[in-house]
Structures are given as C-alpha cells and as structure tokens.
N, C-alpha and C. Protein backbone atom coordinates (compact mmCIF):
# COMPACT_ATOMS: atom_id res chain seq x y z
N MET A 1 0.84 -1.17 0.00
CA MET A 1 0.00 0.00 0.00
C MET A 1 0.88 1.24 0.00
N LYS A 2 0.47 2.23 -0.77
CA LYS A 2 1.22 3.48 -0.88
C LYS A 2 0.28 4.66 -0.70
N LEU A 3 0.85 5.75 -0.19
CA LEU A 3 0.15 7.02 -0.13
C LEU A 3 0.82 7.94 -1.13
N ILE A 4 0.08 8.39 -2.12
CA ILE A 4 0.60 9.28 -3.15
C ILE A 4 0.10 10.68 -2.84
N ILE A 5 1.04 11.60 -2.67
CA ILE A 5 0.72 13.00 -2.41
C ILE A 5 1.21 13.81 -3.60
N ALA A 6 0.34 14.59 -4.19
CA ALA A 6 0.70 15.40 -5.35
C ALA A 6 0.35 16.86 -5.06
N MET A 7 1.29 17.74 -5.38
CA MET A 7 1.05 19.18 -5.29
C MET A 7 0.96 19.67 -6.73
N ILE A 8 -0.19 20.24 -7.11
CA ILE A 8 -0.40 20.64 -8.50
C ILE A 8 -0.95 22.07 -8.57
N GLN A 9 -0.98 22.61 -9.78
CA GLN A 9 -1.58 23.92 -10.03
C GLN A 9 -3.10 23.80 -9.87
N PRO A 10 -3.75 24.77 -9.23
CA PRO A 10 -5.20 24.68 -9.03
C PRO A 10 -5.99 24.54 -10.33
N HIS A 11 -5.59 25.24 -11.39
CA HIS A 11 -6.35 25.18 -12.64
C HIS A 11 -6.21 23.84 -13.36
N LYS A 12 -5.27 22.99 -12.92
CA LYS A 12 -5.09 21.67 -13.54
C LYS A 12 -5.89 20.58 -12.84
N LEU A 13 -6.56 20.90 -11.74
CA LEU A 13 -7.32 19.89 -11.00
C LEU A 13 -8.36 19.16 -11.86
N PRO A 14 -9.17 19.84 -12.66
CA PRO A 14 -10.13 19.10 -13.49
C PRO A 14 -9.46 18.12 -14.45
N ASP A 15 -8.32 18.51 -15.03
CA ASP A 15 -7.60 17.62 -15.95
C ASP A 15 -7.04 16.41 -15.21
N VAL A 16 -6.52 16.64 -14.01
CA VAL A 16 -5.96 15.53 -13.22
C VAL A 16 -7.08 14.58 -12.79
N LYS A 17 -8.20 15.13 -12.34
CA LYS A 17 -9.33 14.27 -11.96
C LYS A 17 -9.81 13.44 -13.13
N LYS A 18 -9.90 14.03 -14.30
CA LYS A 18 -10.33 13.29 -15.49
C LYS A 18 -9.36 12.16 -15.80
N ALA A 19 -8.06 12.44 -15.75
CA ALA A 19 -7.05 11.41 -16.02
C ALA A 19 -7.10 10.31 -14.96
N LEU A 20 -7.32 10.67 -13.70
CA LEU A 20 -7.42 9.66 -12.65
C LEU A 20 -8.65 8.78 -12.86
N TYR A 21 -9.78 9.38 -13.22
CA TYR A 21 -10.99 8.60 -13.47
C TYR A 21 -10.79 7.63 -14.63
N GLU A 22 -10.08 8.07 -15.66
CA GLU A 22 -9.79 7.19 -16.80
C GLU A 22 -8.89 6.03 -16.38
N ALA A 23 -8.05 6.24 -15.35
CA ALA A 23 -7.16 5.20 -14.84
C ALA A 23 -7.84 4.36 -13.75
N LYS A 24 -9.14 4.56 -13.56
CA LYS A 24 -9.95 3.82 -12.58
C LYS A 24 -9.55 4.14 -11.14
N VAL A 25 -9.08 5.36 -10.91
CA VAL A 25 -8.78 5.83 -9.55
C VAL A 25 -9.84 6.87 -9.21
N PHE A 26 -10.71 6.53 -8.25
CA PHE A 26 -11.85 7.39 -7.95
C PHE A 26 -11.80 8.01 -6.55
N LYS A 27 -10.94 7.48 -5.68
CA LYS A 27 -10.92 7.96 -4.29
C LYS A 27 -9.72 8.85 -4.07
N MET A 28 -9.96 10.05 -3.54
CA MET A 28 -8.86 10.99 -3.30
C MET A 28 -9.32 12.03 -2.30
N THR A 29 -8.36 12.67 -1.68
CA THR A 29 -8.61 13.81 -0.82
C THR A 29 -7.96 15.02 -1.47
N VAL A 30 -8.69 16.12 -1.57
CA VAL A 30 -8.19 17.33 -2.21
C VAL A 30 -8.22 18.47 -1.19
N THR A 31 -7.07 19.15 -1.07
CA THR A 31 -6.94 20.24 -0.11
C THR A 31 -6.30 21.45 -0.80
N ASN A 32 -6.80 22.65 -0.51
CA ASN A 32 -6.13 23.86 -0.99
C ASN A 32 -4.90 24.11 -0.12
N ALA A 33 -3.81 24.52 -0.75
CA ALA A 33 -2.57 24.77 -0.03
C ALA A 33 -1.87 25.98 -0.63
N VAL A 34 -0.90 26.51 0.09
CA VAL A 34 -0.02 27.54 -0.44
C VAL A 34 1.42 27.09 -0.22
N GLY A 35 2.29 27.48 -1.14
CA GLY A 35 3.68 27.09 -1.01
C GLY A 35 4.52 27.75 -2.07
N CYS A 36 5.82 27.50 -1.97
CA CYS A 36 6.72 28.04 -2.97
C CYS A 36 7.81 27.02 -3.26
N GLY A 37 8.32 27.11 -4.45
CA GLY A 37 9.38 26.23 -4.89
C GLY A 37 10.27 27.00 -5.84
N GLN A 38 10.53 26.43 -7.00
CA GLN A 38 11.36 27.09 -8.00
C GLN A 38 10.74 28.37 -8.53
N GLN A 39 9.41 28.46 -8.49
CA GLN A 39 8.74 29.65 -9.02
C GLN A 39 9.12 30.91 -8.25
N LYS A 40 9.33 30.80 -6.96
CA LYS A 40 9.76 31.88 -6.08
C LYS A 40 8.76 33.02 -5.97
N GLY A 41 7.60 32.92 -6.56
CA GLY A 41 6.58 33.95 -6.41
C GLY A 41 6.71 35.08 -7.42
N PHE A 42 6.07 36.20 -7.08
CA PHE A 42 6.05 37.35 -7.97
C PHE A 42 5.79 38.60 -7.14
N THR A 43 5.93 39.76 -7.75
CA THR A 43 5.62 41.02 -7.07
C THR A 43 4.43 41.67 -7.76
N GLU A 44 3.65 42.38 -6.99
CA GLU A 44 2.53 43.14 -7.55
C GLU A 44 2.43 44.46 -6.81
N THR A 45 1.85 45.44 -7.48
CA THR A 45 1.70 46.76 -6.89
C THR A 45 0.24 46.98 -6.56
N TYR A 46 -0.02 47.38 -5.32
CA TYR A 46 -1.38 47.68 -4.87
C TYR A 46 -1.36 49.04 -4.21
N ARG A 47 -2.08 50.01 -4.80
CA ARG A 47 -2.14 51.39 -4.31
C ARG A 47 -0.75 52.00 -4.13
N GLY A 48 0.10 51.71 -5.10
CA GLY A 48 1.43 52.29 -5.12
C GLY A 48 2.45 51.60 -4.24
N VAL A 49 2.04 50.55 -3.54
CA VAL A 49 2.96 49.81 -2.66
C VAL A 49 3.26 48.46 -3.30
N ILE A 50 4.54 48.12 -3.38
CA ILE A 50 4.95 46.86 -3.97
C ILE A 50 4.85 45.75 -2.91
N HIS A 51 4.14 44.69 -3.27
CA HIS A 51 3.99 43.53 -2.39
C HIS A 51 4.66 42.34 -3.06
N GLU A 52 5.43 41.60 -2.28
CA GLU A 52 6.05 40.38 -2.79
C GLU A 52 5.18 39.20 -2.38
N VAL A 53 4.71 38.47 -3.37
CA VAL A 53 3.89 37.29 -3.13
C VAL A 53 4.76 36.07 -3.40
N ASN A 54 5.18 35.39 -2.33
CA ASN A 54 6.06 34.24 -2.54
C ASN A 54 5.41 32.92 -2.12
N LEU A 55 4.20 32.97 -1.62
CA LEU A 55 3.45 31.74 -1.36
C LEU A 55 2.32 31.68 -2.38
N LEU A 56 2.42 30.71 -3.27
CA LEU A 56 1.48 30.59 -4.38
C LEU A 56 0.43 29.52 -4.09
N LYS A 57 -0.75 29.69 -4.67
CA LYS A 57 -1.83 28.73 -4.47
C LYS A 57 -1.50 27.42 -5.17
N LYS A 58 -1.73 26.33 -4.46
CA LYS A 58 -1.54 24.98 -4.98
C LYS A 58 -2.71 24.13 -4.52
N VAL A 59 -2.84 22.95 -5.10
CA VAL A 59 -3.81 21.96 -4.66
C VAL A 59 -3.04 20.71 -4.27
N ARG A 60 -3.38 20.16 -3.11
CA ARG A 60 -2.73 18.95 -2.62
C ARG A 60 -3.70 17.79 -2.77
N LEU A 61 -3.27 16.77 -3.48
CA LEU A 61 -4.04 15.54 -3.64
C LEU A 61 -3.40 14.45 -2.79
N GLU A 62 -4.21 13.71 -2.07
CA GLU A 62 -3.73 12.56 -1.32
C GLU A 62 -4.54 11.36 -1.77
N ILE A 63 -3.83 10.33 -2.23
CA ILE A 63 -4.50 9.15 -2.77
C ILE A 63 -3.82 7.91 -2.20
N ALA A 64 -4.58 7.10 -1.49
CA ALA A 64 -4.07 5.83 -0.98
C ALA A 64 -4.42 4.75 -2.00
N VAL A 65 -3.40 3.98 -2.42
CA VAL A 65 -3.61 2.96 -3.45
C VAL A 65 -2.90 1.67 -3.07
N ASN A 66 -3.40 0.58 -3.65
CA ASN A 66 -2.71 -0.70 -3.53
C ASN A 66 -1.58 -0.73 -4.56
N GLU A 67 -0.66 -1.66 -4.40
CA GLU A 67 0.56 -1.72 -5.21
C GLU A 67 0.30 -1.69 -6.72
N ASP A 68 -0.75 -2.37 -7.18
CA ASP A 68 -1.00 -2.44 -8.62
C ASP A 68 -1.55 -1.14 -9.20
N PHE A 69 -1.91 -0.17 -8.36
CA PHE A 69 -2.41 1.11 -8.85
C PHE A 69 -1.40 2.25 -8.71
N VAL A 70 -0.20 1.96 -8.21
CA VAL A 70 0.78 3.03 -7.98
C VAL A 70 1.18 3.69 -9.30
N GLU A 71 1.68 2.93 -10.24
CA GLU A 71 2.15 3.51 -11.51
C GLU A 71 1.02 4.14 -12.33
N PRO A 72 -0.15 3.48 -12.47
CA PRO A 72 -1.24 4.14 -13.20
C PRO A 72 -1.66 5.47 -12.57
N THR A 73 -1.61 5.55 -11.24
CA THR A 73 -1.98 6.80 -10.55
C THR A 73 -0.96 7.88 -10.84
N ILE A 74 0.32 7.55 -10.75
CA ILE A 74 1.38 8.52 -11.02
C ILE A 74 1.29 9.01 -12.46
N GLU A 75 1.13 8.08 -13.39
CA GLU A 75 1.04 8.45 -14.81
C GLU A 75 -0.17 9.35 -15.08
N ALA A 76 -1.29 9.08 -14.42
CA ALA A 76 -2.49 9.89 -14.61
C ALA A 76 -2.29 11.31 -14.07
N ILE A 77 -1.63 11.43 -12.92
CA ILE A 77 -1.37 12.76 -12.36
C ILE A 77 -0.47 13.55 -13.28
N ILE A 78 0.57 12.91 -13.78
CA ILE A 78 1.49 13.59 -14.70
C ILE A 78 0.75 14.00 -15.97
N LYS A 79 -0.06 13.09 -16.52
CA LYS A 79 -0.80 13.39 -17.74
C LYS A 79 -1.71 14.61 -17.57
N GLY A 80 -2.37 14.71 -16.42
CA GLY A 80 -3.31 15.80 -16.20
C GLY A 80 -2.66 17.10 -15.77
N ALA A 81 -1.51 17.04 -15.09
CA ALA A 81 -0.93 18.25 -14.49
C ALA A 81 0.21 18.86 -15.30
N LYS A 82 0.80 18.13 -16.21
CA LYS A 82 2.01 18.60 -16.89
C LYS A 82 1.71 19.69 -17.92
N THR A 83 2.43 20.81 -17.78
CA THR A 83 2.39 21.87 -18.79
C THR A 83 3.77 22.07 -19.40
N GLY A 84 4.80 21.54 -18.73
CA GLY A 84 6.17 21.71 -19.20
C GLY A 84 6.83 22.97 -18.67
N LYS A 85 6.15 23.67 -17.78
CA LYS A 85 6.69 24.92 -17.23
C LYS A 85 6.99 24.74 -15.75
N ILE A 86 7.84 25.61 -15.22
CA ILE A 86 8.13 25.59 -13.79
C ILE A 86 6.83 25.81 -13.03
N GLY A 87 6.64 25.02 -11.98
CA GLY A 87 5.44 25.15 -11.16
C GLY A 87 4.40 24.06 -11.40
N ASP A 88 4.72 23.10 -12.26
CA ASP A 88 3.78 22.00 -12.51
C ASP A 88 3.49 21.20 -11.25
N GLY A 89 4.45 21.11 -10.35
CA GLY A 89 4.20 20.44 -9.08
C GLY A 89 5.14 19.29 -8.81
N LYS A 90 4.80 18.52 -7.79
CA LYS A 90 5.59 17.39 -7.34
C LYS A 90 4.67 16.25 -6.96
N ILE A 91 5.22 15.03 -7.01
CA ILE A 91 4.52 13.83 -6.56
C ILE A 91 5.41 13.14 -5.55
N PHE A 92 4.85 12.81 -4.40
CA PHE A 92 5.57 12.08 -3.36
C PHE A 92 4.88 10.73 -3.18
N VAL A 93 5.67 9.67 -3.09
CA VAL A 93 5.13 8.33 -2.89
C VAL A 93 5.68 7.80 -1.56
N LEU A 94 4.78 7.51 -0.64
CA LEU A 94 5.16 7.06 0.70
C LEU A 94 4.59 5.67 0.96
N ASP A 95 5.32 4.87 1.73
CA ASP A 95 4.77 3.60 2.18
C ASP A 95 3.64 3.88 3.17
N LEU A 96 2.57 3.13 3.04
CA LEU A 96 1.42 3.28 3.92
C LEU A 96 1.40 2.06 4.84
N ALA A 97 1.69 2.28 6.10
CA ALA A 97 1.82 1.17 7.05
C ALA A 97 0.49 0.46 7.31
N GLU A 98 -0.57 1.21 7.43
CA GLU A 98 -1.86 0.61 7.79
C GLU A 98 -2.99 1.45 7.24
N CYS A 99 -4.07 0.78 6.88
CA CYS A 99 -5.30 1.45 6.46
C CYS A 99 -6.45 0.69 7.09
N ILE A 100 -7.36 1.42 7.72
CA ILE A 100 -8.50 0.80 8.38
C ILE A 100 -9.76 1.51 7.94
N ARG A 101 -10.72 0.76 7.43
CA ARG A 101 -12.02 1.33 7.07
C ARG A 101 -12.86 1.38 8.34
N ILE A 102 -13.26 2.55 8.75
CA ILE A 102 -13.96 2.74 10.02
C ILE A 102 -15.31 2.00 10.02
N ARG A 103 -16.05 2.09 8.93
CA ARG A 103 -17.40 1.52 8.88
C ARG A 103 -17.39 0.01 9.12
N THR A 104 -16.46 -0.73 8.50
CA THR A 104 -16.48 -2.19 8.57
C THR A 104 -15.36 -2.78 9.43
N GLY A 105 -14.35 -1.98 9.73
CA GLY A 105 -13.22 -2.51 10.49
C GLY A 105 -12.20 -3.24 9.62
N GLU A 106 -12.43 -3.26 8.28
CA GLU A 106 -11.47 -3.92 7.38
C GLU A 106 -10.13 -3.24 7.50
N ARG A 107 -9.06 -4.04 7.30
CA ARG A 107 -7.71 -3.52 7.40
C ARG A 107 -6.92 -3.90 6.16
N GLY A 108 -5.88 -3.07 5.88
CA GLY A 108 -4.97 -3.38 4.78
C GLY A 108 -5.54 -3.06 3.41
N PRO A 109 -5.10 -3.81 2.40
CA PRO A 109 -5.50 -3.53 1.01
C PRO A 109 -7.02 -3.56 0.79
N GLU A 110 -7.74 -4.39 1.54
CA GLU A 110 -9.20 -4.44 1.39
C GLU A 110 -9.85 -3.13 1.83
N ALA A 111 -9.25 -2.48 2.80
CA ALA A 111 -9.81 -1.21 3.30
C ALA A 111 -9.66 -0.08 2.30
N ILE A 112 -8.59 -0.12 1.50
CA ILE A 112 -8.38 0.93 0.49
C ILE A 112 -9.41 0.80 -0.61
N GLY A 113 -9.70 -0.43 -1.02
CA GLY A 113 -10.70 -0.66 -2.05
C GLY A 113 -10.17 -0.61 -3.44
C-alpha cells in the first residue's frame, strides 16, 4: 500500500481528476494549499505599494492505493498536471503502514478498495 501526495496547479485539478478517473482511480482527498518552490513567487503593486507574493496557491491531492495502482496513478497525475513549465508540481510516494475502514473494520489492502 502506498500514499501518493501530489502538489499541482489549481487550474489543472479538473484535468488531473479526469485522467485519474480514466485510470480507474476514484478515491482521493483534495486540499487547498499555499507554497513556494522554484517559481519563487512574484511582485505586484497595490495602491502604489509593492507587495512580494512568494506563497502561491496549490492543490494537494492525497490518494491511498494498492501496489497495482501506484504507476497508473502517477502516470495519470502527470498526464493531467504537466504543462512543461516551472510550477507544474511534485509527486511524493510514501509507504502506507496501515489502512483501516472505520465503517467495517477492514484492514490493509481491502480497506483501500
């Protein structure tokens, strides 16, 4: 079992969701986030005062998958999120020690579904 965490551009979320659905991945958690990386932000002027914006809006996806869905999930995220420009995002793959479905008490790969 793996936990896949992806940080993507907010406007690419519909494309990523579509690619995940095509890969038969339907369960995910989506969170709004802010952060900075290579983009380093930008400056803008508001009422004559220059403001440096270095925390940019991102979307964080968390998807728990069984071993046979790891590569299809990664490929789907890349397919939906890639623009070829700085700021496309990152994907982190972590080992998932345990998963428990609260409703039934199932554990492990059966709980992920």
